[in-house]
Amino acid sequence: MCSFGYVVCDEKMRVLKKEDILINPEYPFRLARKGFEPEIKLAYPPEVFAEQPNFSFFYDKIKELVLSSDMVLGHAVTNDVRFLNIACSQYKLQQWKYCALDTQKVFAQLTRSQNMSLEHIAEKTGVSIKHLHKSDDDAELTMEAFKAVLKKIKMTPEEIAEICPTCVSYTEGGTPKASNASAYKILKAKVKTLQAKKGPFSGKTVCFSEHLEKKDTLKVWAILKEFCKKGGQYTNMAEKADYFVRADFVCKRHKVVQNSKVMDIFGFAQTVGLDFKCFAPDNLEYLRSEPATASFKDMLKAKGGENLKEIENILNASDASEIKTDSPKP
């Protein structure tokens, strides 16, 4: 470990302190494979790191920062947890028990995107990128992008950790692990606690495709909270619902829909006053590869796109050519 960059924030995610702790790794840097250009760019020259104390010098300070926090957030934070554990082991120091919310996993749950780089997430959420690949700057960008996500879904970090425990990493015996608790089961339990208030949706009910409840749990919960806040109620009886939020295929609930207004998840989010455009999938082939939570039409609508027919014709032609070939697939 050669640096520990962090920001300390208050409950409104305003930065109180920002620092990049430089550490002497006591090992030579290996930034690329032999004969190749460096794949990793250091924020400082190697000799700057060599002049710093090693990890054991900063152990108590970093431990206090982590354990005194109400919540630890990080982008791909499982890697950070692993590096801290390795450093502790290297210097025969006690490892700590703590939990950390992985903002990369949160965004992956919301978008189903394949590109989960910090830069991509910042661009999708409309956060300006000042600097990259300097630990404290990356920590601040992680916080700013996550704050933008929280504003979109109107949730707190604690709510996300509760409704989607698989986004939380924790240490156990020196190994970073994630919870295997079912977000779907948690959602079903929390739905029962929702109280409808007076508002524009008073007397109205909504039913979601069960596929969305299982795969898009965070978006479903965010929408349900806002719907109930404005007078609506949840039901799992699609045949009696006023609104039915569909997946991109006809599920069991969808088959029994009668007089419901059928909408995709982005359209219904907009109906209740939420803007989920930044969560629209942006990889068409990924959507084609398996049942997705949004169809091409949903995705293009959410992104304000056009020329849907032309895109579908091209992809359908590609599918047809694959079906006609006699060559076995590798």
C-alpha atoms as a PDB file:
ATOM      1  CA  MET A   1       0.000   0.000   0.000  1.00  0.00           C
ATOM      2  CA  CYS A   2       1.452   3.351  -1.040  1.00  0.00           C
ATOM      3  CA  SER A   3      -1.344   5.787  -0.183  1.00  0.00           C
ATOM      4  CA  PHE A   4      -4.555   6.120   1.784  1.00  0.00           C
ATOM      5  CA  GLY A   5      -6.708   8.941   0.431  1.00  0.00           C
ATOM      6  CA  TYR A   6      -9.910   9.905   2.202  1.00  0.00           C
ATOM      7  CA  VAL A   7     -12.488  12.586   2.821  1.00  0.00           C
ATOM      8  CA  VAL A   8     -14.411  12.992   6.064  1.00  0.00           C
ATOM      9  CA  CYS A   9     -17.957  14.289   5.587  1.00  0.00           C
ATOM     10  CA  ASP A  10     -20.846  15.364   7.798  1.00  0.00           C
ATOM     11  CA  GLU A  11     -24.360  13.910   7.645  1.00  0.00           C
ATOM     12  CA  LYS A  12     -25.136  16.114   4.618  1.00  0.00           C
ATOM     13  CA  MET A  13     -22.014  14.796   2.857  1.00  0.00           C
ATOM     14  CA  ARG A  14     -20.181  18.117   3.057  1.00  0.00           C
ATOM     15  CA  VAL A  15     -16.412  17.657   3.130  1.00  0.00           C
ATOM     16  CA  LEU A  16     -14.885  18.414   6.537  1.00  0.00           C
ATOM     17  CA  LYS A  17     -11.401  17.101   5.834  1.00  0.00           C
ATOM     18  CA  LYS A  18      -9.495  15.756   2.838  1.00  0.00           C
ATOM     19  CA  GLU A  19      -6.072  14.120   2.942  1.00  0.00           C
ATOM     20  CA  ASP A  20      -3.790  11.819   0.975  1.00  0.00           C
ATOM     21  CA  ILE A  21      -1.604   9.819   3.358  1.00  0.00           C
ATOM     22  CA  LEU A  22       1.529   8.759   1.465  1.00  0.00           C
ATOM     23  CA  ILE A  23       3.076   5.468   2.581  1.00  0.00           C
ATOM     24  CA  ASN A  24       6.362   3.780   1.803  1.00  0.00           C
ATOM     25  CA  PRO A  25       5.329   0.340   0.465  1.00  0.00           C
ATOM     26  CA  GLU A  26       8.884  -0.973   0.999  1.00  0.00           C
ATOM     27  CA  TYR A  27       8.548  -2.832  -2.270  1.00  0.00           C
ATOM     28  CA  PRO A  28       9.500  -1.748  -5.799  1.00  0.00           C
ATOM     29  CA  PHE A  29       6.611  -0.538  -7.966  1.00  0.00           C
ATOM     30  CA  ARG A  30       5.518  -2.819 -10.779  1.00  0.00           C
ATOM     31  CA  LEU A  31       3.395  -0.637 -13.034  1.00  0.00           C
ATOM     32  CA  ALA A  32       3.324  -2.766 -16.197  1.00  0.00           C
ATOM     33  CA  ARG A  33       4.165  -6.126 -17.661  1.00  0.00           C
ATOM     34  CA  LYS A  34       7.746  -6.526 -18.868  1.00  0.00           C
ATOM     35  CA  GLY A  35       8.231  -4.823 -22.217  1.00  0.00           C
ATOM     36  CA  PHE A  36       4.926  -2.932 -22.082  1.00  0.00           C
ATOM     37  CA  GLU A  37       4.042   0.684 -21.383  1.00  0.00           C
ATOM     38  CA  PRO A  38       3.023   1.414 -17.765  1.00  0.00           C
ATOM     39  CA  GLU A  39      -0.645   0.573 -17.178  1.00  0.00           C
ATOM     40  CA  ILE A  40      -0.730   2.394 -13.848  1.00  0.00           C
ATOM     41  CA  LYS A  41       0.176   6.031 -13.378  1.00  0.00           C
ATOM     42  CA  LEU A  42       1.389   7.105  -9.965  1.00  0.00           C
ATOM     43  CA  ALA A  43       0.153  10.420  -8.575  1.00  0.00           C
ATOM     44  CA  TYR A  44       3.671  11.149  -7.275  1.00  0.00           C
ATOM     45  CA  PRO A  45       7.192  10.090  -8.330  1.00  0.00           C
ATOM     46  CA  PRO A  46       8.328   6.773  -6.750  1.00  0.00           C
ATOM     47  CA  GLU A  47      11.029   8.548  -4.738  1.00  0.00           C
ATOM     48  CA  VAL A  48       8.356  10.602  -2.924  1.00  0.00           C
ATOM     49  CA  PHE A  49       6.790   7.390  -1.577  1.00  0.00           C
ATOM     50  CA  ALA A  50      10.217   6.046  -0.620  1.00  0.00           C
ATOM     51  CA  GLU A  51      10.761   9.067   1.628  1.00  0.00           C
ATOM     52  CA  GLN A  52       7.599   8.352   3.695  1.00  0.00           C
ATOM     53  CA  PRO A  53       7.180   6.124   6.786  1.00  0.00           C
ATOM     54  CA  ASN A  54       5.767   2.642   6.238  1.00  0.00           C
ATOM     55  CA  PHE A  55       2.226   1.480   6.996  1.00  0.00           C
ATOM     56  CA  SER A  56       2.902   0.645  10.647  1.00  0.00           C
ATOM     57  CA  PHE A  57       3.584   4.354  11.328  1.00  0.00           C
ATOM     58  CA  PHE A  58       0.093   5.304  10.091  1.00  0.00           C
ATOM     59  CA  TYR A  59      -1.710   2.232  11.446  1.00  0.00           C
ATOM     60  CA  ASP A  60      -3.335   3.908  14.471  1.00  0.00           C
ATOM     61  CA  LYS A  61      -4.404   6.971  12.490  1.00  0.00           C
ATOM     62  CA  ILE A  62      -6.040   4.942   9.696  1.00  0.00           C
ATOM     63  CA  LYS A  63      -7.646   2.587  12.220  1.00  0.00           C
ATOM     64  CA  GLU A  64      -9.167   5.539  14.084  1.00  0.00           C
ATOM     65  CA  LEU A  65     -10.468   7.037  10.834  1.00  0.00           C
ATOM     66  CA  VAL A  66     -12.168   3.792   9.796  1.00  0.00           C
ATOM     67  CA  LEU A  67     -13.560   2.656  13.149  1.00  0.00           C
ATOM     68  CA  SER A  68     -14.788   6.068  14.297  1.00  0.00           C
ATOM     69  CA  SER A  69     -16.836   6.649  11.132  1.00  0.00           C
ATOM     70  CA  ASP A  70     -20.616   6.235  11.152  1.00  0.00           C
ATOM     71  CA  MET A  71     -20.303   4.702   7.691  1.00  0.00           C
ATOM     72  CA  VAL A  72     -17.389   3.888   5.388  1.00  0.00           C
ATOM     73  CA  LEU A  73     -17.970   4.362   1.653  1.00  0.00           C
ATOM     74  CA  GLY A  74     -15.724   3.405  -1.238  1.00  0.00           C
ATOM     75  CA  HIS A  75     -15.641   2.666  -4.953  1.00  0.00           C
ATOM     76  CA  ALA A  76     -14.886  -1.062  -5.400  1.00  0.00           C
ATOM     77  CA  VAL A  77     -14.271  -0.928  -1.663  1.00  0.00           C
ATOM     78  CA  THR A  78     -13.677  -4.686  -1.386  1.00  0.00           C
ATOM     79  CA  ASN A  79     -10.269  -4.044  -2.965  1.00  0.00           C
ATOM     80  CA  ASP A  80      -9.497  -1.367  -0.365  1.00  0.00           C
ATOM     81  CA  VAL A  81     -10.538  -3.697   2.445  1.00  0.00           C
ATOM     82  CA  ARG A  82      -8.263  -6.379   1.010  1.00  0.00           C
ATOM     83  CA  PHE A  83      -5.263  -4.020   0.720  1.00  0.00           C
ATOM     84  CA  LEU A  84      -5.705  -2.865   4.321  1.00  0.00           C
ATOM     85  CA  ASN A  85      -5.853  -6.470   5.501  1.00  0.00           C
ATOM     86  CA  ILE A  86      -2.701  -7.332   3.549  1.00  0.00           C
ATOM     87  CA  ALA A  87      -0.868  -4.333   5.020  1.00  0.00           C
ATOM     88  CA  CYS A  88      -1.895  -5.335   8.543  1.00  0.00           C
ATOM     89  CA  SER A  89      -0.730  -8.869   7.917  1.00  0.00           C
ATOM     90  CA  GLN A  90       2.562  -7.671   6.417  1.00  0.00           C
ATOM     91  CA  TYR A  91       3.459  -5.781   9.594  1.00  0.00           C
ATOM     92  CA  LYS A  92       1.845  -8.300  11.968  1.00  0.00           C
ATOM     93  CA  LEU A  93      -0.748  -5.775  13.123  1.00  0.00           C
ATOM     94  CA  GLN A  94      -4.263  -6.574  14.283  1.00  0.00           C
ATOM     95  CA  GLN A  95      -6.885  -6.461  11.547  1.00  0.00           C
ATOM     96  CA  TRP A  96     -10.118  -4.600  12.194  1.00  0.00           C
ATOM     97  CA  LYS A  97     -13.740  -5.605  11.961  1.00  0.00           C
ATOM     98  CA  TYR A  98     -15.832  -3.071  10.082  1.00  0.00           C
ATOM     99  CA  CYS A  99     -18.363  -2.713   7.269  1.00  0.00           C
ATOM    100  CA  ALA A 100     -18.093  -0.573   4.142  1.00  0.00           C
ATOM    101  CA  LEU A 101     -20.707   0.324   1.531  1.00  0.00           C
ATOM    102  CA  ASP A 102     -19.485  -0.259  -2.027  1.00  0.00           C
ATOM    103  CA  THR A 103     -20.722   2.607  -4.203  1.00  0.00           C
ATOM    104  CA  GLN A 104     -19.674   0.723  -7.335  1.00  0.00           C
ATOM    105  CA  LYS A 105     -22.029  -2.142  -6.460  1.00  0.00           C
ATOM    106  CA  VAL A 106     -24.822   0.342  -5.711  1.00  0.00           C
ATOM    107  CA  PHE A 107     -24.509   1.916  -9.141  1.00  0.00           C
ATOM    108  CA  ALA A 108     -24.263  -1.510 -10.770  1.00  0.00           C
ATOM    109  CA  GLN A 109     -27.523  -2.479  -9.063  1.00  0.00           C
ATOM    110  CA  LEU A 110     -29.184   0.680 -10.363  1.00  0.00           C
ATOM    111  CA  THR A 111     -27.939   0.520 -13.966  1.00  0.00           C
ATOM    112  CA  ARG A 112     -26.970  -3.054 -14.901  1.00  0.00           C
ATOM    113  CA  SER A 113     -24.136  -1.406 -16.824  1.00  0.00           C
ATOM    114  CA  GLN A 114     -20.904  -3.206 -17.651  1.00  0.00           C
ATOM    115  CA  ASN A 115     -18.794  -0.064 -17.295  1.00  0.00           C
ATOM    116  CA  MET A 116     -18.396   0.577 -13.589  1.00  0.00           C
ATOM    117  CA  SER A 117     -15.352   2.840 -13.654  1.00  0.00           C
ATOM    118  CA  LEU A 118     -15.422   5.818 -11.320  1.00  0.00           C
ATOM    119  CA  GLU A 119     -15.041   8.147 -14.311  1.00  0.00           C
ATOM    120  CA  HIS A 120     -18.075   6.595 -16.069  1.00  0.00           C
ATOM    121  CA  ILE A 121     -20.236   6.810 -12.942  1.00  0.00           C
ATOM    122  CA  ALA A 122     -19.301  10.473 -12.461  1.00  0.00           C
ATOM    123  CA  GLU A 123     -20.214  11.249 -16.084  1.00  0.00           C
ATOM    124  CA  LYS A 124     -23.552   9.412 -15.803  1.00  0.00           C
ATOM    125  CA  THR A 125     -24.496  11.283 -12.637  1.00  0.00           C
ATOM    126  CA  GLY A 126     -23.408  14.663 -13.998  1.00  0.00           C
ATOM    127  CA  VAL A 127     -20.509  15.186 -11.589  1.00  0.00           C
ATOM    128  CA  SER A 128     -17.597  17.207 -12.969  1.00  0.00           C
ATOM    129  CA  ILE A 129     -14.227  15.444 -12.898  1.00  0.00           C
ATOM    130  CA  LYS A 130     -11.374  17.672 -11.734  1.00  0.00           C
ATOM    131  CA  HIS A 131      -8.641  15.097 -11.135  1.00  0.00           C
ATOM    132  CA  LEU A 132      -8.369  11.319 -11.326  1.00  0.00           C
ATOM    133  CA  HIS A 133      -6.071   8.639  -9.899  1.00  0.00           C
ATOM    134  CA  LYS A 134      -4.927  10.569  -6.842  1.00  0.00           C
ATOM    135  CA  SER A 135      -6.300   8.821  -3.782  1.00  0.00           C
ATOM    136  CA  ASP A 136      -7.882  11.760  -1.990  1.00  0.00           C
ATOM    137  CA  ASP A 137      -9.304  13.167  -5.258  1.00  0.00           C
ATOM    138  CA  ASP A 138     -10.773   9.754  -6.095  1.00  0.00           C
ATOM    139  CA  ALA A 139     -12.298   9.579  -2.610  1.00  0.00           C
ATOM    140  CA  GLU A 140     -13.909  12.988  -3.090  1.00  0.00           C
ATOM    141  CA  LEU A 141     -15.198  12.084  -6.564  1.00  0.00           C
ATOM    142  CA  THR A 142     -16.650   8.847  -5.156  1.00  0.00           C
ATOM    143  CA  MET A 143     -18.468  10.846  -2.513  1.00  0.00           C
ATOM    144  CA  GLU A 144     -19.772  13.461  -4.987  1.00  0.00           C
ATOM    145  CA  ALA A 145     -21.038  10.831  -7.454  1.00  0.00           C
ATOM    146  CA  PHE A 146     -22.704   8.876  -4.653  1.00  0.00           C
ATOM    147  CA  LYS A 147     -24.298  12.051  -3.301  1.00  0.00           C
ATOM    148  CA  ALA A 148     -25.765  12.629  -6.784  1.00  0.00           C
ATOM    149  CA  VAL A 149     -27.172   9.074  -6.762  1.00  0.00           C
ATOM    150  CA  LEU A 150     -28.743   9.613  -3.326  1.00  0.00           C
ATOM    151  CA  LYS A 151     -30.407  12.788  -4.584  1.00  0.00           C
ATOM    152  CA  LYS A 152     -31.865  10.908  -7.568  1.00  0.00           C
ATOM    153  CA  ILE A 153     -33.325   8.034  -5.565  1.00  0.00           C
ATOM    154  CA  LYS A 154     -34.122  10.095  -2.426  1.00  0.00           C
ATOM    155  CA  MET A 155     -32.512   7.597  -0.073  1.00  0.00           C
ATOM    156  CA  THR A 156     -29.851   7.652   2.633  1.00  0.00           C
ATOM    157  CA  PRO A 157     -26.704   5.477   2.657  1.00  0.00           C
ATOM    158  CA  GLU A 158     -28.172   3.616   5.647  1.00  0.00           C
ATOM    159  CA  GLU A 159     -31.338   2.810   3.667  1.00  0.00           C
ATOM    160  CA  ILE A 160     -29.300   1.472   0.760  1.00  0.00           C
ATOM    161  CA  ALA A 161     -27.239  -0.718   3.076  1.00  0.00           C
ATOM    162  CA  GLU A 162     -30.457  -2.069   4.608  1.00  0.00           C
ATOM    163  CA  ILE A 163     -32.386  -2.725   1.407  1.00  0.00           C
ATOM    164  CA  CYS A 164     -29.395  -4.014  -0.567  1.00  0.00           C
ATOM    165  CA  PRO A 165     -26.985  -5.736   1.855  1.00  0.00           C
ATOM    166  CA  THR A 166     -25.029  -7.326  -1.000  1.00  0.00           C
ATOM    167  CA  CYS A 167     -23.556  -3.843  -1.581  1.00  0.00           C
ATOM    168  CA  VAL A 168     -21.890  -3.972   1.841  1.00  0.00           C
ATOM    169  CA  SER A 169     -18.449  -5.532   2.361  1.00  0.00           C
ATOM    170  CA  TYR A 170     -17.254  -6.590   5.784  1.00  0.00           C
ATOM    171  CA  THR A 171     -14.156  -8.189   7.227  1.00  0.00           C
ATOM    172  CA  GLU A 172     -14.152 -11.645   8.706  1.00  0.00           C
ATOM    173  CA  GLY A 173     -10.933 -13.397   9.635  1.00  0.00           C
ATOM    174  CA  GLY A 174      -8.942 -11.000   7.473  1.00  0.00           C
ATOM    175  CA  THR A 175     -11.040 -11.711   4.383  1.00  0.00           C
ATOM    176  CA  PRO A 176     -13.420  -9.175   2.805  1.00  0.00           C
ATOM    177  CA  LYS A 177     -16.857 -10.679   2.317  1.00  0.00           C
ATOM    178  CA  ALA A 178     -20.298  -9.560   1.200  1.00  0.00           C
ATOM    179  CA  SER A 179     -23.675 -10.438   2.646  1.00  0.00           C
ATOM    180  CA  ASN A 180     -25.760 -13.045   0.827  1.00  0.00           C
ATOM    181  CA  ALA A 181     -29.024 -11.762   2.304  1.00  0.00           C
ATOM    182  CA  SER A 182     -31.880 -11.508  -0.178  1.00  0.00           C
ATOM    183  CA  ALA A 183     -32.721  -7.920  -1.120  1.00  0.00           C
ATOM    184  CA  TYR A 184     -36.039  -9.209  -2.496  1.00  0.00           C
ATOM    185  CA  LYS A 185     -37.061 -10.675   0.864  1.00  0.00           C
ATOM    186  CA  ILE A 186     -36.044  -7.464   2.619  1.00  0.00           C
ATOM    187  CA  LEU A 187     -38.093  -5.459   0.114  1.00  0.00           C
ATOM    188  CA  LYS A 188     -41.188  -7.591   0.704  1.00  0.00           C
ATOM    189  CA  ALA A 189     -40.869  -7.063   4.457  1.00  0.00           C
ATOM    190  CA  LYS A 190     -40.308  -3.315   4.180  1.00  0.00           C
ATOM    191  CA  VAL A 191     -43.240  -2.847   1.779  1.00  0.00           C
ATOM    192  CA  LYS A 192     -45.554  -3.834   4.635  1.00  0.00           C
ATOM    193  CA  THR A 193     -44.305  -0.891   6.682  1.00  0.00           C
ATOM    194  CA  LEU A 194     -45.184   1.730   4.060  1.00  0.00           C
ATOM    195  CA  GLN A 195     -48.030   4.040   5.029  1.00  0.00           C
ATOM    196  CA  ALA A 196     -49.960   5.820   2.286  1.00  0.00           C
ATOM    197  CA  LYS A 197     -50.350   9.547   2.826  1.00  0.00           C
ATOM    198  CA  LYS A 198     -52.712  12.008   1.212  1.00  0.00           C
ATOM    199  CA  GLY A 199     -51.639  13.127  -2.226  1.00  0.00           C
ATOM    200  CA  PRO A 200     -52.212  12.989  -5.988  1.00  0.00           C
ATOM    201  CA  PHE A 201     -52.164   9.156  -5.989  1.00  0.00           C
ATOM    202  CA  SER A 202     -54.641   8.672  -3.134  1.00  0.00           C
ATOM    203  CA  GLY A 203     -56.706   5.539  -3.769  1.00  0.00           C
ATOM    204  CA  LYS A 204     -54.327   4.318  -6.498  1.00  0.00           C
ATOM    205  CA  THR A 205     -52.306   1.103  -6.387  1.00  0.00           C
ATOM    206  CA  VAL A 206     -49.222  -0.125  -8.212  1.00  0.00           C
ATOM    207  CA  CYS A 207     -47.926  -3.612  -8.925  1.00  0.00           C
ATOM    208  CA  PHE A 208     -44.416  -4.371 -10.184  1.00  0.00           C
ATOM    209  CA  SER A 209     -43.148  -7.270 -12.243  1.00  0.00           C
ATOM    210  CA  GLU A 210     -41.636  -9.719  -9.773  1.00  0.00           C
ATOM    211  CA  HIS A 211     -38.521  -9.731 -11.967  1.00  0.00           C
ATOM    212  CA  LEU A 212     -38.051  -6.029 -11.255  1.00  0.00           C
ATOM    213  CA  GLU A 213     -38.576  -6.556  -7.536  1.00  0.00           C
ATOM    214  CA  LYS A 214     -35.777  -9.126  -7.555  1.00  0.00           C
ATOM    215  CA  LYS A 215     -33.337  -7.484  -9.971  1.00  0.00           C
ATOM    216  CA  ASP A 216     -34.062  -3.752  -9.612  1.00  0.00           C
ATOM    217  CA  THR A 217     -34.753  -3.706  -5.884  1.00  0.00           C
ATOM    218  CA  LEU A 218     -33.263  -0.293  -5.183  1.00  0.00           C
ATOM    219  CA  LYS A 219     -35.189   1.469  -7.945  1.00  0.00           C
ATOM    220  CA  VAL A 220     -38.414  -0.316  -6.977  1.00  0.00           C
ATOM    221  CA  TRP A 221     -38.040   0.694  -3.326  1.00  0.00           C
ATOM    222  CA  ALA A 222     -37.218   4.311  -4.207  1.00  0.00           C
ATOM    223  CA  ILE A 223     -40.288   4.522  -6.462  1.00  0.00           C
ATOM    224  CA  LEU A 224     -42.584   2.840  -3.945  1.00  0.00           C
ATOM    225  CA  LYS A 225     -41.546   5.227  -1.185  1.00  0.00           C
ATOM    226  CA  GLU A 226     -42.311   8.234  -3.352  1.00  0.00           C
ATOM    227  CA  PHE A 227     -45.588   6.722  -4.623  1.00  0.00           C
ATOM    228  CA  CYS A 228     -46.836   6.036  -1.072  1.00  0.00           C
ATOM    229  CA  LYS A 229     -45.639   9.437   0.093  1.00  0.00           C
ATOM    230  CA  LYS A 230     -47.989  10.898  -2.519  1.00  0.00           C
ATOM    231  CA  GLY A 231     -50.982   8.768  -1.530  1.00  0.00           C
ATOM    232  CA  GLY A 232     -50.456   5.519  -3.455  1.00  0.00           C
ATOM    233  CA  GLN A 233     -50.323   1.947  -2.177  1.00  0.00           C
ATOM    234  CA  TYR A 234     -48.490  -1.223  -3.200  1.00  0.00           C
ATOM    235  CA  THR A 235     -50.221  -4.425  -4.255  1.00  0.00           C
ATOM    236  CA  ASN A 236     -48.979  -7.745  -5.616  1.00  0.00           C
ATOM    237  CA  MET A 237     -52.344  -8.374  -7.294  1.00  0.00           C
ATOM    238  CA  ALA A 238     -51.673  -7.224 -10.838  1.00  0.00           C
ATOM    239  CA  GLU A 239     -55.268  -7.799 -11.946  1.00  0.00           C
ATOM    240  CA  LYS A 240     -56.509  -5.133  -9.502  1.00  0.00           C
ATOM    241  CA  ALA A 241     -53.679  -2.584  -9.773  1.00  0.00           C
ATOM    242  CA  ASP A 242     -54.159   0.863 -11.277  1.00  0.00           C
ATOM    243  CA  TYR A 243     -50.557   0.823 -12.518  1.00  0.00           C
ATOM    244  CA  PHE A 244     -48.429  -2.127 -13.586  1.00  0.00           C
ATOM    245  CA  VAL A 245     -44.667  -1.629 -13.954  1.00  0.00           C
ATOM    246  CA  ARG A 246     -43.433  -4.203 -16.437  1.00  0.00           C
ATOM    247  CA  ALA A 247     -40.119  -5.876 -17.217  1.00  0.00           C
ATOM    248  CA  ASP A 248     -39.008  -6.320 -20.834  1.00  0.00           C
ATOM    249  CA  PHE A 249     -40.790  -9.662 -21.074  1.00  0.00           C
ATOM    250  CA  VAL A 250     -44.287 -10.806 -20.089  1.00  0.00           C
ATOM    251  CA  CYS A 251     -44.100 -12.299 -16.591  1.00  0.00           C
ATOM    252  CA  LYS A 252     -46.828 -14.148 -14.656  1.00  0.00           C
ATOM    253  CA  ARG A 253     -48.160 -10.969 -13.110  1.00  0.00           C
ATOM    254  CA  HIS A 254     -48.200  -9.188 -16.454  1.00  0.00           C
ATOM    255  CA  LYS A 255     -50.350 -11.960 -17.945  1.00  0.00           C
ATOM    256  CA  VAL A 256     -53.214 -11.249 -15.542  1.00  0.00           C
ATOM    257  CA  VAL A 257     -53.199  -7.460 -15.927  1.00  0.00           C
ATOM    258  CA  GLN A 258     -56.659  -6.178 -16.817  1.00  0.00           C
ATOM    259  CA  ASN A 259     -57.312  -2.439 -16.649  1.00  0.00           C
ATOM    260  CA  SER A 260     -53.952  -1.308 -15.334  1.00  0.00           C
ATOM    261  CA  LYS A 261     -51.910   1.409 -16.998  1.00  0.00           C
ATOM    262  CA  VAL A 262     -48.790  -0.520 -18.043  1.00  0.00           C
ATOM    263  CA  MET A 263     -45.514   1.391 -17.906  1.00  0.00           C
ATOM    264  CA  ASP A 264     -41.772   0.696 -17.877  1.00  0.00           C
ATOM    265  CA  ILE A 265     -39.812   1.486 -14.727  1.00  0.00           C
ATOM    266  CA  PHE A 266     -38.354   4.731 -16.107  1.00  0.00           C
ATOM    267  CA  GLY A 267     -41.764   5.991 -17.170  1.00  0.00           C
ATOM    268  CA  PHE A 268     -43.359   5.215 -13.818  1.00  0.00           C
ATOM    269  CA  ALA A 269     -40.438   6.799 -11.965  1.00  0.00           C
ATOM    270  CA  GLN A 270     -41.083   9.976 -13.941  1.00  0.00           C
ATOM    271  CA  THR A 271     -44.804   9.730 -13.160  1.00  0.00           C
ATOM    272  CA  VAL A 272     -44.130   9.799  -9.412  1.00  0.00           C
ATOM    273  CA  GLY A 273     -41.594  12.621  -9.775  1.00  0.00           C
ATOM    274  CA  LEU A 274     -38.243  10.802  -9.936  1.00  0.00           C
ATOM    275  CA  ASP A 275     -35.637  11.305 -12.664  1.00  0.00           C
ATOM    276  CA  PHE A 276     -33.909   8.003 -13.408  1.00  0.00           C
ATOM    277  CA  LYS A 277     -32.485   8.910 -16.829  1.00  0.00           C
ATOM    278  CA  CYS A 278     -28.898   8.520 -15.630  1.00  0.00           C
ATOM    279  CA  PHE A 279     -29.653   4.894 -14.667  1.00  0.00           C
ATOM    280  CA  ALA A 280     -30.781   3.913 -18.183  1.00  0.00           C
ATOM    281  CA  PRO A 281     -28.648   1.034 -19.583  1.00  0.00           C
ATOM    282  CA  ASP A 282     -26.210   2.174 -22.251  1.00  0.00           C
ATOM    283  CA  ASN A 283     -25.045  -1.143 -23.705  1.00  0.00           C
ATOM    284  CA  LEU A 284     -27.464  -2.661 -26.231  1.00  0.00           C
ATOM    285  CA  GLU A 285     -25.688  -5.994 -26.615  1.00  0.00           C
ATOM    286  CA  TYR A 286     -25.616  -6.441 -22.838  1.00  0.00           C
ATOM    287  CA  LEU A 287     -29.379  -6.005 -22.800  1.00  0.00           C
ATOM    288  CA  ARG A 288     -29.729  -8.611 -25.529  1.00  0.00           C
ATOM    289  CA  SER A 289     -27.547 -11.190 -23.763  1.00  0.00           C
ATOM    290  CA  GLU A 290     -29.972 -11.987 -20.934  1.00  0.00           C
ATOM    291  CA  PRO A 291     -33.325 -10.903 -19.520  1.00  0.00           C
ATOM    292  CA  ALA A 292     -32.791  -7.272 -18.628  1.00  0.00           C
ATOM    293  CA  THR A 293     -34.650  -4.814 -16.467  1.00  0.00           C
ATOM    294  CA  ALA A 294     -35.289  -2.439 -19.362  1.00  0.00           C
ATOM    295  CA  SER A 295     -36.000  -3.044 -23.045  1.00  0.00           C
ATOM    296  CA  PHE A 296     -34.396  -1.125 -25.902  1.00  0.00           C
ATOM    297  CA  LYS A 297     -37.483   1.041 -26.137  1.00  0.00           C
ATOM    298  CA  ASP A 298     -37.343   1.749 -22.399  1.00  0.00           C
ATOM    299  CA  MET A 299     -33.660   2.611 -22.639  1.00  0.00           C
ATOM    300  CA  LEU A 300     -34.053   4.905 -25.623  1.00  0.00           C
ATOM    301  CA  LYS A 301     -37.094   6.612 -24.103  1.00  0.00           C
ATOM    302  CA  ALA A 302     -35.190   7.235 -20.894  1.00  0.00           C
ATOM    303  CA  LYS A 303     -32.246   8.652 -22.813  1.00  0.00           C
ATOM    304  CA  GLY A 304     -34.484  10.665 -25.132  1.00  0.00           C
ATOM    305  CA  GLY A 305     -33.308   8.651 -28.127  1.00  0.00           C
ATOM    306  CA  GLU A 306     -34.906   8.067 -31.498  1.00  0.00           C
ATOM    307  CA  ASN A 307     -34.491   5.790 -34.551  1.00  0.00           C
ATOM    308  CA  LEU A 308     -35.480   2.750 -32.504  1.00  0.00           C
ATOM    309  CA  LYS A 309     -36.778   0.868 -35.574  1.00  0.00           C
ATOM    310  CA  GLU A 310     -33.494   1.196 -37.437  1.00  0.00           C
ATOM    311  CA  ILE A 311     -31.500  -0.122 -34.465  1.00  0.00           C
ATOM    312  CA  GLU A 312     -33.869  -3.068 -33.940  1.00  0.00           C
ATOM    313  CA  ASN A 313     -33.747  -3.957 -37.663  1.00  0.00           C
ATOM    314  CA  ILE A 314     -29.955  -4.093 -37.592  1.00  0.00           C
ATOM    315  CA  LEU A 315     -29.885  -6.241 -34.466  1.00  0.00           C
ATOM    316  CA  ASN A 316     -32.650  -8.538 -35.721  1.00  0.00           C
ATOM    317  CA  ALA A 317     -30.798  -9.009 -38.995  1.00  0.00           C
ATOM    318  CA  SER A 318     -27.700  -9.901 -37.007  1.00  0.00           C
ATOM    319  CA  ASP A 319     -29.699 -12.449 -34.997  1.00  0.00           C
ATOM    320  CA  ALA A 320     -31.152 -13.976 -38.169  1.00  0.00           C
ATOM    321  CA  SER A 321     -27.731 -14.446 -39.755  1.00  0.00           C
ATOM    322  CA  GLU A 322     -26.542 -16.222 -36.644  1.00  0.00           C
ATOM    323  CA  ILE A 323     -29.506 -18.595 -36.708  1.00  0.00           C
ATOM    324  CA  LYS A 324     -28.964 -19.571 -40.383  1.00  0.00           C
ATOM    325  CA  THR A 325     -25.297 -20.464 -40.054  1.00  0.00           C
ATOM    326  CA  ASP A 326     -24.327 -24.153 -39.865  1.00  0.00           C
ATOM    327  CA  SER A 327     -21.106 -23.482 -38.030  1.00  0.00           C
ATOM    328  CA  PRO A 328     -21.139 -24.557 -34.383  1.00  0.00           C
ATOM    329  CA  LYS A 329     -20.624 -21.809 -31.868  1.00  0.00           C
ATOM    330  CA  PRO A 330     -17.274 -21.899 -30.091  1.00  0.00           C
END
